[in-house]
N, C-alpha and C. Protein backbone atom coordinates (compact mmCIF):
# COMPACT_ATOMS: atom_id res chain seq x y z
N MET A 1 -31.11 17.05 -15.80
CA MET A 1 -31.69 16.20 -14.76
C MET A 1 -31.18 14.79 -14.96
N LYS A 2 -31.14 14.29 -16.24
CA LYS A 2 -30.61 12.93 -16.47
C LYS A 2 -29.10 12.79 -16.10
N GLN A 3 -28.45 13.78 -16.35
CA GLN A 3 -26.91 13.68 -16.09
C GLN A 3 -26.77 13.55 -14.54
N ALA A 4 -27.46 14.36 -13.78
CA ALA A 4 -27.39 14.31 -12.32
C ALA A 4 -27.82 12.86 -11.82
N GLU A 5 -28.88 12.31 -12.39
CA GLU A 5 -29.37 11.07 -11.91
C GLU A 5 -28.26 9.95 -12.36
N GLN A 6 -27.65 10.12 -13.51
CA GLN A 6 -26.53 9.13 -13.90
C GLN A 6 -25.45 9.30 -12.93
N ARG A 7 -25.04 10.42 -12.58
CA ARG A 7 -23.93 10.64 -11.55
C ARG A 7 -24.29 10.04 -10.20
N LEU A 8 -25.51 10.24 -9.75
CA LEU A 8 -26.03 9.67 -8.52
C LEU A 8 -25.97 8.16 -8.60
N THR A 9 -26.37 7.53 -9.73
CA THR A 9 -26.26 6.08 -9.92
C THR A 9 -24.86 5.60 -9.89
N ILE A 10 -24.00 6.29 -10.58
CA ILE A 10 -22.53 5.81 -10.66
C ILE A 10 -21.81 6.06 -9.39
N PHE A 11 -21.89 7.29 -8.89
CA PHE A 11 -21.02 7.71 -7.74
C PHE A 11 -21.77 7.58 -6.38
N GLY A 12 -23.08 7.57 -6.44
CA GLY A 12 -23.82 7.52 -5.14
C GLY A 12 -23.96 8.89 -4.59
N PRO A 13 -24.61 9.10 -3.51
CA PRO A 13 -24.73 10.41 -2.86
C PRO A 13 -23.42 10.83 -2.23
N ASN A 14 -23.07 12.20 -2.28
CA ASN A 14 -21.78 12.57 -1.90
C ASN A 14 -21.73 12.82 -0.32
N LYS A 15 -22.73 12.41 0.39
CA LYS A 15 -22.65 12.60 1.86
C LYS A 15 -21.47 11.77 2.45
N LEU A 16 -21.26 10.55 1.94
CA LEU A 16 -20.17 9.73 2.40
C LEU A 16 -18.83 10.30 2.09
N GLU A 17 -18.68 10.96 0.93
CA GLU A 17 -17.51 11.64 0.68
C GLU A 17 -17.21 12.78 1.58
N GLU A 18 -18.24 13.54 2.04
CA GLU A 18 -17.98 14.62 2.98
C GLU A 18 -17.60 14.01 4.32
N LYS A 19 -18.15 12.92 4.72
CA LYS A 19 -17.74 12.36 6.02
C LYS A 19 -16.32 11.91 5.98
N ARG A 20 -15.95 11.27 4.86
CA ARG A 20 -14.56 10.80 4.65
C ARG A 20 -13.59 11.94 4.70
N ASP A 21 -13.92 13.08 4.02
CA ASP A 21 -13.07 14.24 3.92
C ASP A 21 -12.89 14.80 5.34
N SER A 22 -13.90 14.89 6.06
CA SER A 22 -13.87 15.41 7.42
C SER A 22 -12.97 14.63 8.34
N LYS A 23 -13.04 13.31 8.21
CA LYS A 23 -12.05 12.41 8.89
C LYS A 23 -10.66 12.64 8.51
N ILE A 24 -10.51 12.81 7.22
CA ILE A 24 -9.10 13.07 6.76
C ILE A 24 -8.56 14.47 7.30
N PHE A 25 -9.52 15.43 7.29
CA PHE A 25 -9.12 16.72 7.79
C PHE A 25 -8.79 16.75 9.34
N LYS A 26 -9.61 15.97 10.10
CA LYS A 26 -9.35 15.79 11.43
C LYS A 26 -8.03 15.20 11.74
N PHE A 27 -7.75 14.12 10.92
CA PHE A 27 -6.40 13.39 11.11
C PHE A 27 -5.21 14.27 10.83
N VAL A 28 -5.41 15.01 9.62
CA VAL A 28 -4.32 15.94 9.31
C VAL A 28 -4.17 17.05 10.37
N GLY A 29 -5.31 17.60 10.86
CA GLY A 29 -5.28 18.57 11.96
C GLY A 29 -4.55 18.01 13.11
N PHE A 30 -4.85 16.75 13.59
CA PHE A 30 -4.16 16.15 14.71
C PHE A 30 -2.69 15.98 14.50
N MET A 31 -2.27 15.55 13.22
CA MET A 31 -0.87 15.42 12.99
C MET A 31 -0.20 16.78 12.86
N TRP A 32 -0.91 17.79 12.45
CA TRP A 32 -0.38 19.19 12.27
C TRP A 32 -0.14 19.70 13.74
N ASN A 33 -1.11 19.48 14.65
CA ASN A 33 -0.95 20.03 16.00
C ASN A 33 -1.39 18.94 17.04
N PRO A 34 -0.48 18.01 17.32
CA PRO A 34 -0.77 16.87 18.12
C PRO A 34 -1.13 17.24 19.61
N LEU A 35 -0.80 18.37 20.09
CA LEU A 35 -1.17 18.88 21.45
C LEU A 35 -2.61 19.28 21.53
N SER A 36 -3.31 19.49 20.51
CA SER A 36 -4.69 19.92 20.57
C SER A 36 -5.60 18.78 21.02
């Protein structure tokens, strides 16, 4: 439990990471198939 709390304190919640990744995937998908 303490290790998880330390990671949460250091890195913060990973929801922002998920949003950032989805934006990257959308960008890559657009570059991969610009007609879509």
